[in-house]
C-alpha atoms as a PDB file:
ATOM      1  CA  MET A   1     110.525  39.355 121.782  1.00  0.00           C
ATOM      2  CA  ARG A   2     108.663  39.160 118.487  1.00  0.00           C
ATOM      3  CA  PRO A   3     105.286  40.323 119.900  1.00  0.00           C
ATOM      4  CA  CYS A   4     107.066  43.297 121.521  1.00  0.00           C
ATOM      5  CA  LEU A   5     108.760  44.201 118.252  1.00  0.00           C
ATOM      6  CA  PHE A   6     105.439  43.872 116.379  1.00  0.00           C
ATOM      7  CA  LEU A   7     103.642  46.128 118.875  1.00  0.00           C
ATOM      8  CA  THR A   8     106.444  48.689 118.690  1.00  0.00           C
ATOM      9  CA  LEU A   9     106.310  48.762 114.894  1.00  0.00           C
ATOM     10  CA  LEU A  10     102.524  49.054 115.013  1.00  0.00           C
ATOM     11  CA  VAL A  11     102.635  52.009 117.412  1.00  0.00           C
ATOM     12  CA  VAL A  12     105.438  53.767 115.462  1.00  0.00           C
ATOM     13  CA  SER A  13     103.625  53.342 112.155  1.00  0.00           C
ATOM     14  CA  SER A  14     100.390  54.780 113.561  1.00  0.00           C
ATOM     15  CA  LEU A  15     102.331  57.871 114.682  1.00  0.00           C
ATOM     16  CA  GLY A  16     103.513  58.584 111.132  1.00  0.00           C
ATOM     17  CA  GLN A  17     102.736  61.667 109.171  1.00  0.00           C
ATOM     18  CA  HIS A  18      99.167  62.699 108.511  1.00  0.00           C
ATOM     19  CA  VAL A  19      97.931  61.719 105.087  1.00  0.00           C
ATOM     20  CA  PRO A  20      97.330  64.900 103.062  1.00  0.00           C
ATOM     21  CA  GLU A  21      93.817  65.810 101.961  1.00  0.00           C
ATOM     22  CA  ASP A  22      92.559  63.726  99.042  1.00  0.00           C
ATOM     23  CA  LYS A  23      93.229  65.888  96.001  1.00  0.00           C
ATOM     24  CA  ILE A  24      90.687  64.089  93.867  1.00  0.00           C
ATOM     25  CA  SER A  25      87.772  64.735  96.196  1.00  0.00           C
ATOM     26  CA  SER A  26      89.019  68.283  96.743  1.00  0.00           C
ATOM     27  CA  SER A  27      89.052  68.868  92.981  1.00  0.00           C
ATOM     28  CA  GLU A  28      85.560  67.380  92.663  1.00  0.00           C
ATOM     29  CA  GLU A  29      84.252  69.708  95.398  1.00  0.00           C
ATOM     30  CA  ALA A  30      85.872  72.747  93.739  1.00  0.00           C
ATOM     31  CA  THR A  31      84.385  71.710  90.399  1.00  0.00           C
ATOM     32  CA  ALA A  32      80.947  71.277  92.027  1.00  0.00           C
ATOM     33  CA  ILE A  33      81.168  74.778  93.536  1.00  0.00           C
ATOM     34  CA  SER A  34      82.240  76.315  90.218  1.00  0.00           C
ATOM     35  CA  THR A  35      79.540  74.391  88.304  1.00  0.00           C
ATOM     36  CA  LYS A  36      76.875  75.624  90.715  1.00  0.00           C
ATOM     37  CA  GLN A  37      78.071  79.193  90.260  1.00  0.00           C
ATOM     38  CA  LEU A  38      78.138  78.819  86.491  1.00  0.00           C
ATOM     39  CA  ASN A  39      74.650  77.291  86.401  1.00  0.00           C
ATOM     40  CA  ALA A  40      73.299  80.117  88.552  1.00  0.00           C
ATOM     41  CA  PHE A  41      74.909  82.638  86.196  1.00  0.00           C
ATOM     42  CA  LEU A  42      73.625  80.903  83.015  1.00  0.00           C
ATOM     43  CA  GLY A  43      70.162  80.596  84.528  1.00  0.00           C
ATOM     44  CA  ALA A  44      70.133  84.307  85.401  1.00  0.00           C
ATOM     45  CA  LEU A  45      71.309  85.107  81.817  1.00  0.00           C
ATOM     46  CA  ALA A  46      68.507  82.984  80.315  1.00  0.00           C
ATOM     47  CA  SER A  47      65.859  84.698  82.397  1.00  0.00           C
ATOM     48  CA  ASN A  48      67.480  88.145  82.141  1.00  0.00           C
ATOM     49  CA  ASP A  49      67.543  88.356  85.941  1.00  0.00           C
ATOM     50  CA  LYS A  50      69.830  91.326  86.398  1.00  0.00           C
ATOM     51  CA  ASN A  51      69.636  91.264  90.170  1.00  0.00           C
ATOM     52  CA  THR A  52      70.840  87.669  90.384  1.00  0.00           C
ATOM     53  CA  ILE A  53      73.578  88.355  87.826  1.00  0.00           C
ATOM     54  CA  ALA A  54      74.742  91.278  89.923  1.00  0.00           C
ATOM     55  CA  SER A  55      74.676  89.219  93.116  1.00  0.00           C
ATOM     56  CA  LEU A  56      76.989  86.559  91.614  1.00  0.00           C
ATOM     57  CA  PHE A  57      79.866  88.980  91.032  1.00  0.00           C
ATOM     58  CA  VAL A  58      81.991  91.171  93.272  1.00  0.00           C
ATOM     59  CA  SER A  59      81.257  94.351  91.363  1.00  0.00           C
ATOM     60  CA  THR A  60      80.042  97.882  91.609  1.00  0.00           C
ATOM     61  CA  PHE A  61      77.739  97.809  88.580  1.00  0.00           C
ATOM     62  CA  SER A  62      74.061  98.367  89.148  1.00  0.00           C
ATOM     63  CA  THR A  63      71.106  96.819  87.426  1.00  0.00           C
ATOM     64  CA  ASP A  64      70.649 100.169  85.682  1.00  0.00           C
ATOM     65  CA  SER A  65      73.991  99.948  83.881  1.00  0.00           C
ATOM     66  CA  ASN A  66      74.265  98.684  80.335  1.00  0.00           C
ATOM     67  CA  ILE A  67      74.136  95.111  81.552  1.00  0.00           C
ATOM     68  CA  ASP A  68      71.951  94.162  78.549  1.00  0.00           C
ATOM     69  CA  GLN A  69      74.793  94.942  76.160  1.00  0.00           C
ATOM     70  CA  ILE A  70      77.210  92.912  78.250  1.00  0.00           C
ATOM     71  CA  VAL A  71      74.844  89.989  78.614  1.00  0.00           C
ATOM     72  CA  SER A  72      74.198  89.937  74.848  1.00  0.00           C
ATOM     73  CA  GLN A  73      77.840  88.869  74.375  1.00  0.00           C
ATOM     74  CA  PHE A  74      76.943  85.530  75.987  1.00  0.00           C
ATOM     75  CA  GLN A  75      74.105  84.736  73.538  1.00  0.00           C
ATOM     76  CA  GLY A  76      74.817  81.606  71.519  1.00  0.00           C
ATOM     77  CA  THR A  77      77.693  80.494  73.705  1.00  0.00           C
ATOM     78  CA  THR A  78      78.126  77.222  75.568  1.00  0.00           C
ATOM     79  CA  VAL A  79      80.042  77.507  78.823  1.00  0.00           C
ATOM     80  CA  SER A  80      81.291  74.635  80.951  1.00  0.00           C
ATOM     81  CA  VAL A  81      83.710  74.085  83.797  1.00  0.00           C
ATOM     82  CA  PHE A  82      86.912  72.582  82.370  1.00  0.00           C
ATOM     83  CA  ASP A  83      88.772  72.289  85.673  1.00  0.00           C
ATOM     84  CA  ALA A  84      88.684  73.720  89.183  1.00  0.00           C
ATOM     85  CA  SER A  85      90.733  73.609  92.368  1.00  0.00           C
ATOM     86  CA  PHE A  86      90.940  75.285  95.755  1.00  0.00           C
ATOM     87  CA  ARG A  87      93.502  78.029  96.127  1.00  0.00           C
ATOM     88  CA  SER A  88      94.506  77.536  99.757  1.00  0.00           C
ATOM     89  CA  LYS A  89      91.893  79.246 101.921  1.00  0.00           C
ATOM     90  CA  GLN A  90      91.375  82.096  99.460  1.00  0.00           C
ATOM     91  CA  GLY A  91      88.785  80.498  97.214  1.00  0.00           C
ATOM     92  CA  VAL A  92      88.188  78.384  94.100  1.00  0.00           C
ATOM     93  CA  GLN A  93      90.066  78.941  90.847  1.00  0.00           C
ATOM     94  CA  SER A  94      88.346  77.568  87.765  1.00  0.00           C
ATOM     95  CA  ILE A  95      89.040  77.153  84.088  1.00  0.00           C
ATOM     96  CA  LEU A  96      85.958  77.648  81.937  1.00  0.00           C
ATOM     97  CA  LYS A  97      85.548  76.442  78.392  1.00  0.00           C
ATOM     98  CA  ILE A  98      83.526  78.815  76.286  1.00  0.00           C
ATOM     99  CA  GLU A  99      82.346  77.821  72.832  1.00  0.00           C
ATOM    100  CA  LYS A 100      80.481  79.618  70.091  1.00  0.00           C
ATOM    101  CA  GLY A 101      80.068  77.995  66.712  1.00  0.00           C
ATOM    102  CA  ASN A 102      83.398  76.412  65.762  1.00  0.00           C
ATOM    103  CA  ALA A 103      85.461  78.694  67.985  1.00  0.00           C
ATOM    104  CA  SER A 104      86.365  78.071  71.621  1.00  0.00           C
ATOM    105  CA  LEU A 105      88.444  79.675  74.312  1.00  0.00           C
ATOM    106  CA  HIS A 106      89.397  79.025  77.860  1.00  0.00           C
ATOM    107  CA  ALA A 107      88.816  81.656  80.497  1.00  0.00           C
ATOM    108  CA  PHE A 108      89.437  81.731  84.234  1.00  0.00           C
ATOM    109  CA  TRP A 109      87.386  82.906  87.149  1.00  0.00           C
ATOM    110  CA  PHE A 110      88.228  83.062  90.796  1.00  0.00           C
ATOM    111  CA  LEU A 111      85.395  82.496  93.285  1.00  0.00           C
ATOM    112  CA  ILE A 112      85.377  83.802  96.869  1.00  0.00           C
ATOM    113  CA  GLU A 113      82.946  82.856  99.596  1.00  0.00           C
ATOM    114  CA  ASP A 114      80.221  85.424 100.156  1.00  0.00           C
ATOM    115  CA  ASP A 115      76.991  84.831 102.017  1.00  0.00           C
ATOM    116  CA  ALA A 116      75.288  87.650 100.054  1.00  0.00           C
ATOM    117  CA  SER A 117      75.350  85.477  96.944  1.00  0.00           C
ATOM    118  CA  PRO A 118      72.575  82.986  96.282  1.00  0.00           C
ATOM    119  CA  THR A 119      75.251  80.293  95.759  1.00  0.00           C
ATOM    120  CA  GLY A 120      77.388  81.306  98.718  1.00  0.00           C
ATOM    121  CA  TRP A 121      80.165  82.326  96.304  1.00  0.00           C
ATOM    122  CA  LYS A 122      80.925  85.408  94.139  1.00  0.00           C
ATOM    123  CA  VAL A 123      83.164  85.756  91.130  1.00  0.00           C
ATOM    124  CA  GLY A 124      86.049  87.878  92.456  1.00  0.00           C
ATOM    125  CA  GLY A 125      88.263  87.869  89.382  1.00  0.00           C
ATOM    126  CA  VAL A 126      88.170  86.822  85.730  1.00  0.00           C
ATOM    127  CA  GLY A 127      91.002  86.235  83.298  1.00  0.00           C
ATOM    128  CA  LYS A 128      92.053  84.916  79.945  1.00  0.00           C
ATOM    129  CA  PRO A 129      95.223  83.033  78.980  1.00  0.00           C
ATOM    130  CA  VAL A 130      97.915  85.144  77.397  1.00  0.00           C
ATOM    131  CA  SER A 131      99.663  82.523  75.293  1.00  0.00           C
ATOM    132  CA  GLY A 132      96.852  80.045  74.736  1.00  0.00           C
ATOM    133  CA  ARG A 133      99.320  77.206  75.288  1.00  0.00           C
ATOM    134  CA  ARG A 134      99.061  76.945  79.049  1.00  0.00           C
ATOM    135  CA  PHE A 135      95.939  76.714  81.151  1.00  0.00           C
ATOM    136  CA  ASP A 136      97.361  77.928  84.423  1.00  0.00           C
ATOM    137  CA  PHE A 137      96.638  81.016  86.356  1.00  0.00           C
ATOM    138  CA  SER A 138     100.088  82.530  86.060  1.00  0.00           C
ATOM    139  CA  ASP A 139      99.666  82.844  82.271  1.00  0.00           C
ATOM    140  CA  ALA A 140      96.644  85.117  82.317  1.00  0.00           C
ATOM    141  CA  ILE A 141      95.482  88.681  82.080  1.00  0.00           C
ATOM    142  CA  TRP A 142      93.231  89.307  85.047  1.00  0.00           C
ATOM    143  CA  CYS A 143      90.334  91.703  85.670  1.00  0.00           C
ATOM    144  CA  TRP A 144      89.542  92.457  89.292  1.00  0.00           C
ATOM    145  CA  ALA A 145      86.966  95.253  88.729  1.00  0.00           C
ATOM    146  CA  ASP A 146      83.896  95.421  86.490  1.00  0.00           C
ATOM    147  CA  LEU A 147      84.125  91.677  86.032  1.00  0.00           C
ATOM    148  CA  LEU A 148      81.017  91.054  83.958  1.00  0.00           C
ATOM    149  CA  ARG A 149      82.048  93.753  81.479  1.00  0.00           C
ATOM    150  CA  CYS A 150      85.509  92.187  81.266  1.00  0.00           C
ATOM    151  CA  MET A 151      84.013  88.769  80.453  1.00  0.00           C
ATOM    152  CA  GLY A 152      81.703  90.324  77.871  1.00  0.00           C
ATOM    153  CA  ASN A 153      84.566  92.237  76.211  1.00  0.00           C
ATOM    154  CA  THR A 154      86.715  89.152  76.102  1.00  0.00           C
ATOM    155  CA  LEU A 155      83.927  87.268  74.323  1.00  0.00           C
ATOM    156  CA  ALA A 156      83.360  90.149  71.892  1.00  0.00           C
ATOM    157  CA  LEU A 157      87.062  90.224  70.988  1.00  0.00           C
ATOM    158  CA  ILE A 158      87.243  86.488  70.417  1.00  0.00           C
ATOM    159  CA  PHE A 159      83.865  85.770  68.827  1.00  0.00           C
ATOM    160  CA  GLY A 160      83.178  89.082  67.192  1.00  0.00           C
END
């Protein structure tokens, strides 16, 4: 009787619910994707590669636009990925930490898969926290068009 009970329990336990995806490895993968995108962006900024900058964003700006003025807002800043996670199947949402001198701010960007980008991802939205107390995506003002200009304007407002 005992071996039968043991086998029954073994079979029933193996039919239990599927273990959900490991959130830690998922977060690490999202952070790696966001870091790769950020490094490509910062590398393109450093080399003034306007074509690469344009290819990393979902945007309608051209390399002939006043991208130099926008890019100048990033001079002297340090940018790092603070946190990142997958947003269902839509993409990767990331919190960036941007520092310049003694000042710092957190900003958001939302990445979507796009084979036309050198990283396989494009920035599809950027935002900044409204209150400064919460670092979640519901407490943000978002830009969905002219994303690079939006990021540059945010930096100009904060850092002068």
